[in-house]
Amino acid sequence: MIPYPEGIDKDNYDFIIGHLITTNVNGAASGTMEFFEPEKTADGLKIHITSASPFIIGWKQAADRGLTAPAQSANTGYITGGIVPILIVFTVLSVAVAAFAVFNRRRLSKSGK
């Protein structure tokens, strides 16, 4: 269960959750993204996951459902909880993959393969 951000509720917002696939599994290539529309509950967002790879959550104000909403800017795209943390995750992940590739190549060249 993922709690709603402060000031955001299930009735006035639409949500999307992105999942970065970090290993080749079930035909999906490492580095690709998959997206979920989570179940909105009273306590937060709910999805079923099978791995704990990096996730990102976005939301936007829902289409008018007869409620008075505050004025919106021209940008109606999803708002994320923050881009900096996910950039750090991607950077660390990229460095780790590069280091693994270098060390693996060295190991293979030393073994004569």
PDB file of N, CA and C in Angstrom:
ATOM      1  N   MET A   1       0.847  -1.176   0.000  1.00  0.00           N
ATOM      2  CA  MET A   1       0.000   0.000   0.000  1.00  0.00           C
ATOM      3  C   MET A   1       0.894   1.242   0.000  1.00  0.00           C
ATOM      4  N   ILE A   2       0.642   2.138  -0.915  1.00  0.00           N
ATOM      5  CA  ILE A   2       1.405   3.380  -1.018  1.00  0.00           C
ATOM      6  C   ILE A   2       0.483   4.515  -0.592  1.00  0.00           C
ATOM      7  N   PRO A   3       0.808   5.220   0.508  1.00  0.00           N
ATOM      8  CA  PRO A   3      -0.072   6.300   0.964  1.00  0.00           C
ATOM      9  C   PRO A   3      -0.096   7.459  -0.036  1.00  0.00           C
ATOM     10  N   TYR A   4      -1.202   8.194  -0.045  1.00  0.00           N
ATOM     11  CA  TYR A   4      -1.329   9.351  -0.925  1.00  0.00           C
ATOM     12  C   TYR A   4      -0.416  10.473  -0.445  1.00  0.00           C
ATOM     13  N   PRO A   5       0.162  11.250  -1.376  1.00  0.00           N
ATOM     14  CA  PRO A   5       0.945  12.417  -0.968  1.00  0.00           C
ATOM     15  C   PRO A   5       0.040  13.423  -0.250  1.00  0.00           C
ATOM     16  N   GLU A   6       0.637  14.260   0.551  1.00  0.00           N
ATOM     17  CA  GLU A   6      -0.125  15.262   1.304  1.00  0.00           C
ATOM     18  C   GLU A   6      -0.905  16.155   0.337  1.00  0.00           C
ATOM     19  N   GLY A   7      -2.181  16.338   0.613  1.00  0.00           N
ATOM     20  CA  GLY A   7      -3.037  17.189  -0.203  1.00  0.00           C
ATOM     21  C   GLY A   7      -3.615  16.508  -1.438  1.00  0.00           C
ATOM     22  N   ILE A   8      -3.312  15.238  -1.630  1.00  0.00           N
ATOM     23  CA  ILE A   8      -3.789  14.482  -2.788  1.00  0.00           C
ATOM     24  C   ILE A   8      -4.735  13.398  -2.287  1.00  0.00           C
ATOM     25  N   ASP A   9      -5.851  13.198  -2.989  1.00  0.00           N
ATOM     26  CA  ASP A   9      -6.805  12.174  -2.560  1.00  0.00           C
ATOM     27  C   ASP A   9      -7.221  11.299  -3.736  1.00  0.00           C
ATOM     28  N   LYS A  10      -7.883  10.205  -3.428  1.00  0.00           N
ATOM     29  CA  LYS A  10      -8.267   9.229  -4.455  1.00  0.00           C
ATOM     30  C   LYS A  10      -9.407   9.711  -5.342  1.00  0.00           C
ATOM     31  N   ASP A  11     -10.213  10.636  -4.864  1.00  0.00           N
ATOM     32  CA  ASP A  11     -11.398  11.047  -5.608  1.00  0.00           C
ATOM     33  C   ASP A  11     -11.132  12.113  -6.668  1.00  0.00           C
ATOM     34  N   ASN A  12     -10.126  12.945  -6.463  1.00  0.00           N
ATOM     35  CA  ASN A  12      -9.896  14.074  -7.358  1.00  0.00           C
ATOM     36  C   ASN A  12      -8.658  13.934  -8.239  1.00  0.00           C
ATOM     37  N   TYR A  13      -7.973  12.794  -8.163  1.00  0.00           N
ATOM     38  CA  TYR A  13      -6.735  12.602  -8.920  1.00  0.00           C
ATOM     39  C   TYR A  13      -6.701  11.232  -9.582  1.00  0.00           C
ATOM     40  N   ASP A  14      -6.045  11.180 -10.737  1.00  0.00           N
ATOM     41  CA  ASP A  14      -5.776   9.926 -11.429  1.00  0.00           C
ATOM     42  C   ASP A  14      -4.293   9.624 -11.249  1.00  0.00           C
ATOM     43  N   PHE A  15      -3.953   8.345 -11.128  1.00  0.00           N
ATOM     44  CA  PHE A  15      -2.587   7.941 -10.814  1.00  0.00           C
ATOM     45  C   PHE A  15      -2.056   6.951 -11.840  1.00  0.00           C
ATOM     46  N   ILE A  16      -0.745   6.945 -11.977  1.00  0.00           N
ATOM     47  CA  ILE A  16      -0.054   5.941 -12.782  1.00  0.00           C
ATOM     48  C   ILE A  16       1.239   5.595 -12.048  1.00  0.00           C
ATOM     49  N   ILE A  17       1.615   4.337 -12.096  1.00  0.00           N
ATOM     50  CA  ILE A  17       2.852   3.895 -11.455  1.00  0.00           C
ATOM     51  C   ILE A  17       3.735   3.276 -12.530  1.00  0.00           C
ATOM     52  N   GLY A  18       4.969   3.755 -12.610  1.00  0.00           N
ATOM     53  CA  GLY A  18       5.948   3.216 -13.544  1.00  0.00           C
ATOM     54  C   GLY A  18       6.925   2.319 -12.806  1.00  0.00           C
ATOM     55  N   HIS A  19       7.314   1.226 -13.440  1.00  0.00           N
ATOM     56  CA  HIS A  19       8.247   0.263 -12.845  1.00  0.00           C
ATOM     57  C   HIS A  19       9.401   0.067 -13.815  1.00  0.00           C
ATOM     58  N   LEU A  20      10.629   0.308 -13.352  1.00  0.00           N
ATOM     59  CA  LEU A  20      11.817   0.084 -14.166  1.00  0.00           C
ATOM     60  C   LEU A  20      12.224  -1.370 -14.034  1.00  0.00           C
ATOM     61  N   ILE A  21      12.221  -2.093 -15.139  1.00  0.00           N
ATOM     62  CA  ILE A  21      12.633  -3.498 -15.130  1.00  0.00           C
ATOM     63  C   ILE A  21      14.153  -3.530 -15.167  1.00  0.00           C
ATOM     64  N   THR A  22      14.773  -4.174 -14.167  1.00  0.00           N
ATOM     65  CA  THR A  22      16.232  -4.153 -14.047  1.00  0.00           C
ATOM     66  C   THR A  22      16.897  -5.462 -14.438  1.00  0.00           C
ATOM     67  N   THR A  23      16.122  -6.511 -14.686  1.00  0.00           N
ATOM     68  CA  THR A  23      16.685  -7.781 -15.147  1.00  0.00           C
ATOM     69  C   THR A  23      15.820  -8.322 -16.274  1.00  0.00           C
ATOM     70  N   ASN A  24      16.417  -9.067 -17.175  1.00  0.00           N
ATOM     71  CA  ASN A  24      15.660  -9.687 -18.262  1.00  0.00           C
ATOM     72  C   ASN A  24      14.801 -10.799 -17.674  1.00  0.00           C
ATOM     73  N   VAL A  25      13.495 -10.585 -17.667  1.00  0.00           N
ATOM     74  CA  VAL A  25      12.597 -11.568 -17.078  1.00  0.00           C
ATOM     75  C   VAL A  25      11.269 -11.554 -17.834  1.00  0.00           C
ATOM     76  N   ASN A  26      10.687 -12.719 -18.017  1.00  0.00           N
ATOM     77  CA  ASN A  26       9.384 -12.868 -18.676  1.00  0.00           C
ATOM     78  C   ASN A  26       9.317 -12.158 -20.026  1.00  0.00           C
ATOM     79  N   GLY A  27      10.409 -12.169 -20.768  1.00  0.00           N
ATOM     80  CA  GLY A  27      10.426 -11.555 -22.091  1.00  0.00           C
ATOM     81  C   GLY A  27      10.625 -10.056 -22.096  1.00  0.00           C
ATOM     82  N   ALA A  28      10.704  -9.424 -20.942  1.00  0.00           N
ATOM     83  CA  ALA A  28      10.923  -7.980 -20.865  1.00  0.00           C
ATOM     84  C   ALA A  28      12.418  -7.711 -20.708  1.00  0.00           C
ATOM     85  N   ALA A  29      12.931  -6.781 -21.489  1.00  0.00           N
ATOM     86  CA  ALA A  29      14.353  -6.460 -21.455  1.00  0.00           C
ATOM     87  C   ALA A  29      14.678  -5.519 -20.303  1.00  0.00           C
ATOM     88  N   SER A  30      15.838  -5.721 -19.727  1.00  0.00           N
ATOM     89  CA  SER A  30      16.327  -4.844 -18.669  1.00  0.00           C
ATOM     90  C   SER A  30      16.375  -3.408 -19.184  1.00  0.00           C
ATOM     91  N   GLY A  31      15.934  -2.463 -18.367  1.00  0.00           N
ATOM     92  CA  GLY A  31      15.940  -1.057 -18.741  1.00  0.00           C
ATOM     93  C   GLY A  31      14.630  -0.561 -19.321  1.00  0.00           C
ATOM     94  N   THR A  32      13.670  -1.450 -19.538  1.00  0.00           N
ATOM     95  CA  THR A  32      12.370  -1.019 -20.054  1.00  0.00           C
ATOM     96  C   THR A  32      11.446  -0.659 -18.892  1.00  0.00           C
ATOM     97  N   MET A  33      10.419   0.095 -19.210  1.00  0.00           N
ATOM     98  CA  MET A  33       9.451   0.513 -18.197  1.00  0.00           C
ATOM     99  C   MET A  33       8.123  -0.186 -18.463  1.00  0.00           C
ATOM    100  N   GLU A  34       7.439  -0.536 -17.368  1.00  0.00           N
ATOM    101  CA  GLU A  34       6.060  -1.000 -17.468  1.00  0.00           C
ATOM    102  C   GLU A  34       5.227  -0.082 -16.588  1.00  0.00           C
ATOM    103  N   PHE A  35       3.960   0.076 -16.935  1.00  0.00           N
ATOM    104  CA  PHE A  35       3.106   1.022 -16.229  1.00  0.00           C
ATOM    105  C   PHE A  35       1.849   0.334 -15.713  1.00  0.00           C
ATOM    106  N   PHE A  36       1.392   0.784 -14.539  1.00  0.00           N
ATOM    107  CA  PHE A  36       0.208   0.238 -13.883  1.00  0.00           C
ATOM    108  C   PHE A  36      -0.755   1.367 -13.553  1.00  0.00           C
ATOM    109  N   GLU A  37      -2.036   1.083 -13.641  1.00  0.00           N
ATOM    110  CA  GLU A  37      -3.046   1.973 -13.076  1.00  0.00           C
ATOM    111  C   GLU A  37      -3.426   1.337 -11.752  1.00  0.00           C
ATOM    112  N   PRO A  38      -3.017   1.941 -10.638  1.00  0.00           N
ATOM    113  CA  PRO A  38      -3.235   1.312  -9.335  1.00  0.00           C
ATOM    114  C   PRO A  38      -4.693   1.358  -8.892  1.00  0.00           C
ATOM    115  N   GLU A  39      -5.017   0.453  -7.996  1.00  0.00           N
ATOM    116  CA  GLU A  39      -6.334   0.472  -7.351  1.00  0.00           C
ATOM    117  C   GLU A  39      -6.311   1.577  -6.302  1.00  0.00           C
ATOM    118  N   LYS A  40      -7.319   2.448  -6.330  1.00  0.00           N
ATOM    119  CA  LYS A  40      -7.418   3.527  -5.341  1.00  0.00           C
ATOM    120  C   LYS A  40      -8.207   3.006  -4.151  1.00  0.00           C
ATOM    121  N   THR A  41      -7.605   3.015  -2.975  1.00  0.00           N
ATOM    122  CA  THR A  41      -8.298   2.599  -1.758  1.00  0.00           C
ATOM    123  C   THR A  41      -8.348   3.776  -0.798  1.00  0.00           C
ATOM    124  N   ALA A  42      -9.060   3.629   0.292  1.00  0.00           N
ATOM    125  CA  ALA A  42      -9.136   4.693   1.293  1.00  0.00           C
ATOM    126  C   ALA A  42      -7.767   4.972   1.916  1.00  0.00           C
ATOM    127  N   ASP A  43      -6.910   3.948   1.977  1.00  0.00           N
ATOM    128  CA  ASP A  43      -5.607   4.097   2.631  1.00  0.00           C
ATOM    129  C   ASP A  43      -4.475   4.464   1.686  1.00  0.00           C
ATOM    130  N   GLY A  44      -4.673   4.311   0.384  1.00  0.00           N
ATOM    131  CA  GLY A  44      -3.608   4.617  -0.562  1.00  0.00           C
ATOM    132  C   GLY A  44      -3.749   3.824  -1.843  1.00  0.00           C
ATOM    133  N   LEU A  45      -2.676   3.807  -2.616  1.00  0.00           N
ATOM    134  CA  LEU A  45      -2.662   3.115  -3.902  1.00  0.00           C
ATOM    135  C   LEU A  45      -2.219   1.677  -3.712  1.00  0.00           C
ATOM    136  N   LYS A  46      -2.820   0.777  -4.492  1.00  0.00           N
ATOM    137  CA  LYS A  46      -2.516  -0.641  -4.341  1.00  0.00           C
ATOM    138  C   LYS A  46      -2.229  -1.257  -5.710  1.00  0.00           C
ATOM    139  N   ILE A  47      -1.066  -1.939  -5.814  1.00  0.00           N
ATOM    140  CA  ILE A  47      -0.739  -2.734  -6.991  1.00  0.00           C
ATOM    141  C   ILE A  47      -0.099  -4.024  -6.510  1.00  0.00           C
ATOM    142  N   HIS A  48      -0.081  -5.023  -7.370  1.00  0.00           N
ATOM    143  CA  HIS A  48       0.593  -6.282  -7.054  1.00  0.00           C
ATOM    144  C   HIS A  48       1.919  -6.282  -7.798  1.00  0.00           C
ATOM    145  N   ILE A  49       3.026  -6.460  -7.064  1.00  0.00           N
ATOM    146  CA  ILE A  49       4.345  -6.473  -7.689  1.00  0.00           C
ATOM    147  C   ILE A  49       5.038  -7.795  -7.402  1.00  0.00           C
ATOM    148  N   THR A  50       5.974  -8.148  -8.280  1.00  0.00           N
ATOM    149  CA  THR A  50       6.750  -9.374  -8.086  1.00  0.00           C
ATOM    150  C   THR A  50       8.230  -9.076  -7.897  1.00  0.00           C
ATOM    151  N   SER A  51       8.613  -7.800  -7.954  1.00  0.00           N
ATOM    152  CA  SER A  51       9.997  -7.414  -7.687  1.00  0.00           C
ATOM    153  C   SER A  51      10.000  -6.012  -7.105  1.00  0.00           C
ATOM    154  N   ALA A  52      11.099  -5.656  -6.487  1.00  0.00           N
ATOM    155  CA  ALA A  52      11.191  -4.344  -5.839  1.00  0.00           C
ATOM    156  C   ALA A  52      12.147  -3.433  -6.593  1.00  0.00           C
ATOM    157  N   SER A  53      12.133  -3.514  -7.901  1.00  0.00           N
ATOM    158  CA  SER A  53      12.935  -2.611  -8.718  1.00  0.00           C
ATOM    159  C   SER A  53      12.411  -1.192  -8.533  1.00  0.00           C
ATOM    160  N   PRO A  54      13.111  -0.182  -9.069  1.00  0.00           N
ATOM    161  CA  PRO A  54      12.660   1.208  -8.884  1.00  0.00           C
ATOM    162  C   PRO A  54      11.258   1.459  -9.449  1.00  0.00           C
ATOM    163  N   PHE A  55      10.477   2.220  -8.692  1.00  0.00           N
ATOM    164  CA  PHE A  55       9.130   2.619  -9.088  1.00  0.00           C
ATOM    165  C   PHE A  55       9.045   4.129  -9.060  1.00  0.00           C
ATOM    166  N   ILE A  56       8.143   4.679  -9.854  1.00  0.00           N
ATOM    167  CA  ILE A  56       7.855   6.106  -9.817  1.00  0.00           C
ATOM    168  C   ILE A  56       6.333   6.259  -9.890  1.00  0.00           C
ATOM    169  N   ILE A  57       5.812   7.226  -9.164  1.00  0.00           N
ATOM    170  CA  ILE A  57       4.364   7.449  -9.117  1.00  0.00           C
ATOM    171  C   ILE A  57       4.071   8.831  -9.679  1.00  0.00           C
ATOM    172  N   GLY A  58       3.088   8.894 -10.567  1.00  0.00           N
ATOM    173  CA  GLY A  58       2.660  10.170 -11.110  1.00  0.00           C
ATOM    174  C   GLY A  58       1.170  10.344 -10.892  1.00  0.00           C
ATOM    175  N   TRP A  59       0.730  11.591 -10.844  1.00  0.00           N
ATOM    176  CA  TRP A  59      -0.692  11.858 -10.687  1.00  0.00           C
ATOM    177  C   TRP A  59      -1.049  13.148 -11.389  1.00  0.00           C
ATOM    178  N   LYS A  60      -2.302  13.253 -11.755  1.00  0.00           N
ATOM    179  CA  LYS A  60      -2.826  14.484 -12.333  1.00  0.00           C
ATOM    180  C   LYS A  60      -4.248  14.654 -11.843  1.00  0.00           C
ATOM    181  N   GLN A  61      -4.700  15.890 -11.876  1.00  0.00           N
ATOM    182  CA  GLN A  61      -6.062  16.150 -11.439  1.00  0.00           C
ATOM    183  C   GLN A  61      -7.018  15.452 -12.397  1.00  0.00           C
ATOM    184  N   ALA A  62      -7.989  14.771 -11.835  1.00  0.00           N
ATOM    185  CA  ALA A  62      -8.953  14.007 -12.630  1.00  0.00           C
ATOM    186  C   ALA A  62      -9.834  14.949 -13.436  1.00  0.00           C
ATOM    187  N   ALA A  63     -10.411  14.420 -14.479  1.00  0.00           N
ATOM    188  CA  ALA A  63     -11.355  15.190 -15.285  1.00  0.00           C
ATOM    189  C   ALA A  63     -12.498  15.650 -14.394  1.00  0.00           C
ATOM    190  N   ASP A  64     -13.112  16.753 -14.751  1.00  0.00           N
ATOM    191  CA  ASP A  64     -14.200  17.316 -13.949  1.00  0.00           C
ATOM    192  C   ASP A  64     -15.292  16.276 -13.738  1.00  0.00           C
ATOM    193  N   ARG A  65     -15.561  16.010 -12.484  1.00  0.00           N
ATOM    194  CA  ARG A  65     -16.608  15.043 -12.120  1.00  0.00           C
ATOM    195  C   ARG A  65     -17.731  15.748 -11.365  1.00  0.00           C
ATOM    196  N   GLY A  66     -17.958  16.999 -11.750  1.00  0.00           N
ATOM    197  CA  GLY A  66     -19.009  17.757 -11.091  1.00  0.00           C
ATOM    198  C   GLY A  66     -18.522  18.468  -9.841  1.00  0.00           C
ATOM    199  N   LEU A  67     -17.219  18.440  -9.592  1.00  0.00           N
ATOM    200  CA  LEU A  67     -16.651  19.110  -8.427  1.00  0.00           C
ATOM    201  C   LEU A  67     -16.020  20.416  -8.866  1.00  0.00           C
ATOM    202  N   THR A  68     -15.988  21.378  -7.985  1.00  0.00           N
ATOM    203  CA  THR A  68     -15.303  22.623  -8.270  1.00  0.00           C
ATOM    204  C   THR A  68     -13.831  22.418  -7.967  1.00  0.00           C
ATOM    205  N   ALA A  69     -13.010  22.579  -8.966  1.00  0.00           N
ATOM    206  CA  ALA A  69     -11.572  22.360  -8.805  1.00  0.00           C
ATOM    207  C   ALA A  69     -10.836  23.683  -8.925  1.00  0.00           C
ATOM    208  N   PRO A  70      -9.672  23.786  -8.300  1.00  0.00           N
ATOM    209  CA  PRO A  70      -8.878  25.000  -8.457  1.00  0.00           C
ATOM    210  C   PRO A  70      -8.419  25.145  -9.907  1.00  0.00           C
ATOM    211  N   ALA A  71      -8.088  26.374 -10.294  1.00  0.00           N
ATOM    212  CA  ALA A  71      -7.628  26.626 -11.659  1.00  0.00           C
ATOM    213  C   ALA A  71      -6.391  25.799 -11.958  1.00  0.00           C
ATOM    214  N   GLN A  72      -6.327  25.278 -13.161  1.00  0.00           N
ATOM    215  CA  GLN A  72      -5.181  24.470 -13.572  1.00  0.00           C
ATOM    216  C   GLN A  72      -4.310  25.259 -14.529  1.00  0.00           C
ATOM    217  N   SER A  73      -3.029  24.911 -14.530  1.00  0.00           N
ATOM    218  CA  SER A  73      -2.129  25.506 -15.510  1.00  0.00           C
ATOM    219  C   SER A  73      -2.355  24.807 -16.845  1.00  0.00           C
ATOM    220  N   ALA A  74      -1.693  25.282 -17.875  1.00  0.00           N
ATOM    221  CA  ALA A  74      -1.824  24.670 -19.197  1.00  0.00           C
ATOM    222  C   ALA A  74      -1.231  23.272 -19.228  1.00  0.00           C
ATOM    223  N   ASN A  75      -0.307  22.973 -18.329  1.00  0.00           N
ATOM    224  CA  ASN A  75       0.312  21.649 -18.278  1.00  0.00           C
ATOM    225  C   ASN A  75      -0.600  20.716 -17.497  1.00  0.00           C
ATOM    226  N   THR A  76      -1.181  19.742 -18.164  1.00  0.00           N
ATOM    227  CA  THR A  76      -2.089  18.808 -17.490  1.00  0.00           C
ATOM    228  C   THR A  76      -1.482  17.423 -17.363  1.00  0.00           C
ATOM    229  N   GLY A  77      -0.165  17.308 -17.522  1.00  0.00           N
ATOM    230  CA  GLY A  77       0.511  16.019 -17.413  1.00  0.00           C
ATOM    231  C   GLY A  77       0.602  15.550 -15.977  1.00  0.00           C
ATOM    232  N   TYR A  78       1.080  14.336 -15.815  1.00  0.00           N
ATOM    233  CA  TYR A  78       1.250  13.779 -14.485  1.00  0.00           C
ATOM    234  C   TYR A  78       2.335  14.526 -13.731  1.00  0.00           C
ATOM    235  N   ILE A  79       2.134  14.670 -12.437  1.00  0.00           N
ATOM    236  CA  ILE A  79       3.105  15.297 -11.548  1.00  0.00           C
ATOM    237  C   ILE A  79       3.759  14.166 -10.776  1.00  0.00           C
ATOM    238  N   THR A  80       5.066  14.185 -10.674  1.00  0.00           N
ATOM    239  CA  THR A  80       5.739  13.143  -9.906  1.00  0.00           C
ATOM    240  C   THR A  80       6.124  13.678  -8.544  1.00  0.00           C
ATOM    241  N   GLY A  81       6.416  12.777  -7.646  1.00  0.00           N
ATOM    242  CA  GLY A  81       6.819  13.159  -6.301  1.00  0.00           C
ATOM    243  C   GLY A  81       8.185  13.810  -6.259  1.00  0.00           C
ATOM    244  N   GLY A  82       8.934  13.754  -7.299  1.00  0.00           N
ATOM    245  CA  GLY A  82      10.246  14.383  -7.361  1.00  0.00           C
ATOM    246  C   GLY A  82      11.123  13.656  -8.356  1.00  0.00           C
ATOM    247  N   ILE A  83      11.781  14.393  -9.223  1.00  0.00           N
ATOM    248  CA  ILE A  83      12.605  13.784 -10.257  1.00  0.00           C
ATOM    249  C   ILE A  83      14.011  13.493  -9.754  1.00  0.00           C
ATOM    250  N   VAL A  84      14.508  14.265  -8.806  1.00  0.00           N
ATOM    251  CA  VAL A  84      15.886  14.084  -8.352  1.00  0.00           C
ATOM    252  C   VAL A  84      16.125  12.691  -7.780  1.00  0.00           C
ATOM    253  N   PRO A  85      15.291  12.163  -6.883  1.00  0.00           N
ATOM    254  CA  PRO A  85      15.567  10.814  -6.363  1.00  0.00           C
ATOM    255  C   PRO A  85      15.616   9.747  -7.447  1.00  0.00           C
ATOM    256  N   ILE A  86      14.757   9.800  -8.435  1.00  0.00           N
ATOM    257  CA  ILE A  86      14.772   8.779  -9.473  1.00  0.00           C
ATOM    258  C   ILE A  86      15.992   8.941 -10.362  1.00  0.00           C
ATOM    259  N   LEU A  87      16.453  10.187 -10.575  1.00  0.00           N
ATOM    260  CA  LEU A  87      17.682  10.391 -11.346  1.00  0.00           C
ATOM    261  C   LEU A  87      18.879   9.797 -10.616  1.00  0.00           C
ATOM    262  N   ILE A  88      18.895   9.934  -9.308  1.00  0.00           N
ATOM    263  CA  ILE A  88      19.972   9.339  -8.516  1.00  0.00           C
ATOM    264  C   ILE A  88      19.935   7.823  -8.658  1.00  0.00           C
ATOM    265  N   VAL A  89      18.757   7.235  -8.580  1.00  0.00           N
ATOM    266  CA  VAL A  89      18.616   5.781  -8.728  1.00  0.00           C
ATOM    267  C   VAL A  89      19.108   5.341 -10.101  1.00  0.00           C
ATOM    268  N   PHE A  90      18.695   6.034 -11.150  1.00  0.00           N
ATOM    269  CA  PHE A  90      19.132   5.676 -12.501  1.00  0.00           C
ATOM    270  C   PHE A  90      20.645   5.824 -12.656  1.00  0.00           C
ATOM    271  N   THR A  91      21.223   6.879 -12.078  1.00  0.00           N
ATOM    272  CA  THR A  91      22.669   7.089 -12.164  1.00  0.00           C
ATOM    273  C   THR A  91      23.419   5.978 -11.454  1.00  0.00           C
ATOM    274  N   VAL A  92      23.015   5.666 -10.228  1.00  0.00           N
ATOM    275  CA  VAL A  92      23.669   4.594  -9.473  1.00  0.00           C
ATOM    276  C   VAL A  92      23.516   3.267 -10.205  1.00  0.00           C
ATOM    277  N   LEU A  93      22.341   3.002 -10.721  1.00  0.00           N
ATOM    278  CA  LEU A  93      22.098   1.767 -11.464  1.00  0.00           C
ATOM    279  C   LEU A  93      22.984   1.697 -12.709  1.00  0.00           C
ATOM    280  N   SER A  94      23.112   2.801 -13.428  1.00  0.00           N
ATOM    281  CA  SER A  94      23.954   2.831 -14.626  1.00  0.00           C
ATOM    282  C   SER A  94      25.415   2.580 -14.289  1.00  0.00           C
ATOM    283  N   VAL A  95      25.906   3.202 -13.220  1.00  0.00           N
ATOM    284  CA  VAL A  95      27.293   2.997 -12.798  1.00  0.00           C
ATOM    285  C   VAL A  95      27.504   1.547 -12.383  1.00  0.00           C
ATOM    286  N   ALA A  96      26.553   0.971 -11.668  1.00  0.00           N
ATOM    287  CA  ALA A  96      26.676  -0.421 -11.230  1.00  0.00           C
ATOM    288  C   ALA A  96      26.710  -1.374 -12.424  1.00  0.00           C
ATOM    289  N   VAL A  97      25.861  -1.145 -13.409  1.00  0.00           N
ATOM    290  CA  VAL A  97      25.845  -1.998 -14.601  1.00  0.00           C
ATOM    291  C   VAL A  97      27.156  -1.862 -15.368  1.00  0.00           C
ATOM    292  N   ALA A  98      27.666  -0.633 -15.508  1.00  0.00           N
ATOM    293  CA  ALA A  98      28.936  -0.424 -16.207  1.00  0.00           C
ATOM    294  C   ALA A  98      30.080  -1.109 -15.465  1.00  0.00           C
ATOM    295  N   ALA A  99      30.115  -0.975 -14.140  1.00  0.00           N
ATOM    296  CA  ALA A  99      31.167  -1.622 -13.346  1.00  0.00           C
ATOM    297  C   ALA A  99      31.082  -3.137 -13.478  1.00  0.00           C
ATOM    298  N   PHE A 100      29.887  -3.674 -13.434  1.00  0.00           N
ATOM    299  CA  PHE A 100      29.709  -5.119 -13.601  1.00  0.00           C
ATOM    300  C   PHE A 100      30.241  -5.570 -14.956  1.00  0.00           C
ATOM    301  N   ALA A 101      29.934  -4.819 -16.008  1.00  0.00           N
ATOM    302  CA  ALA A 101      30.391  -5.178 -17.352  1.00  0.00           C
ATOM    303  C   ALA A 101      31.911  -5.160 -17.439  1.00  0.00           C
ATOM    304  N   VAL A 102      32.550  -4.152 -16.860  1.00  0.00           N
ATOM    305  CA  VAL A 102      34.015  -4.056 -16.885  1.00  0.00           C
ATOM    306  C   VAL A 102      34.631  -5.216 -16.122  1.00  0.00           C
ATOM    307  N   PHE A 103      34.169  -5.467 -14.910  1.00  0.00           N
ATOM    308  CA  PHE A 103      34.739  -6.556 -14.107  1.00  0.00           C
ATOM    309  C   PHE A 103      34.471  -7.922 -14.741  1.00  0.00           C
ATOM    310  N   ASN A 104      33.310  -8.096 -15.334  1.00  0.00           N
ATOM    311  CA  ASN A 104      32.993  -9.358 -15.991  1.00  0.00           C
ATOM    312  C   ASN A 104      33.895  -9.569 -17.208  1.00  0.00           C
ATOM    313  N   ARG A 105      34.119  -8.510 -17.982  1.00  0.00           N
ATOM    314  CA  ARG A 105      35.000  -8.605 -19.151  1.00  0.00           C
ATOM    315  C   ARG A 105      36.421  -8.961 -18.716  1.00  0.00           C
ATOM    316  N   ARG A 106      36.909  -8.324 -17.646  1.00  0.00           N
ATOM    317  CA  ARG A 106      38.257  -8.632 -17.137  1.00  0.00           C
ATOM    318  C   ARG A 106      38.337 -10.077 -16.661  1.00  0.00           C
ATOM    319  N   ARG A 107      37.310 -10.526 -15.973  1.00  0.00           N
ATOM    320  CA  ARG A 107      37.298 -11.897 -15.464  1.00  0.00           C
ATOM    321  C   ARG A 107      37.325 -12.894 -16.616  1.00  0.00           C
ATOM    322  N   LEU A 108      36.540 -12.628 -17.645  1.00  0.00           N
ATOM    323  CA  LEU A 108      36.503 -13.525 -18.794  1.00  0.00           C
ATOM    324  C   LEU A 108      37.821 -13.517 -19.566  1.00  0.00           C
ATOM    325  N   SER A 109      38.458 -12.340 -19.687  1.00  0.00           N
ATOM    326  CA  SER A 109      39.729 -12.286 -20.416  1.00  0.00           C
ATOM    327  C   SER A 109      40.839 -12.997 -19.638  1.00  0.00           C
ATOM    328  N   LYS A 110      40.808 -12.966 -18.317  1.00  0.00           N
ATOM    329  CA  LYS A 110      41.808 -13.667 -17.503  1.00  0.00           C
ATOM    330  C   LYS A 110      41.612 -15.175 -17.561  1.00  0.00           C
ATOM    331  N   SER A 111      40.370 -15.614 -17.726  1.00  0.00           N
ATOM    332  CA  SER A 111      40.104 -17.052 -17.773  1.00  0.00           C
ATOM    333  C   SER A 111      40.296 -17.615 -19.181  1.00  0.00           C
ATOM    334  N   GLY A 112      40.558 -16.746 -20.158  1.00  0.00           N
ATOM    335  CA  GLY A 112      40.824 -17.193 -21.516  1.00  0.00           C
ATOM    336  C   GLY A 112      39.591 -17.436 -22.352  1.00  0.00           C
ATOM    337  N   LYS A 113      38.455 -16.982 -21.933  1.00  0.00           N
ATOM    338  CA  LYS A 113      37.204 -17.195 -22.685  1.00  0.00           C
ATOM    339  C   LYS A 113      36.904 -16.009 -23.563  1.00  0.00           C
TER     340      LYS A 113
END
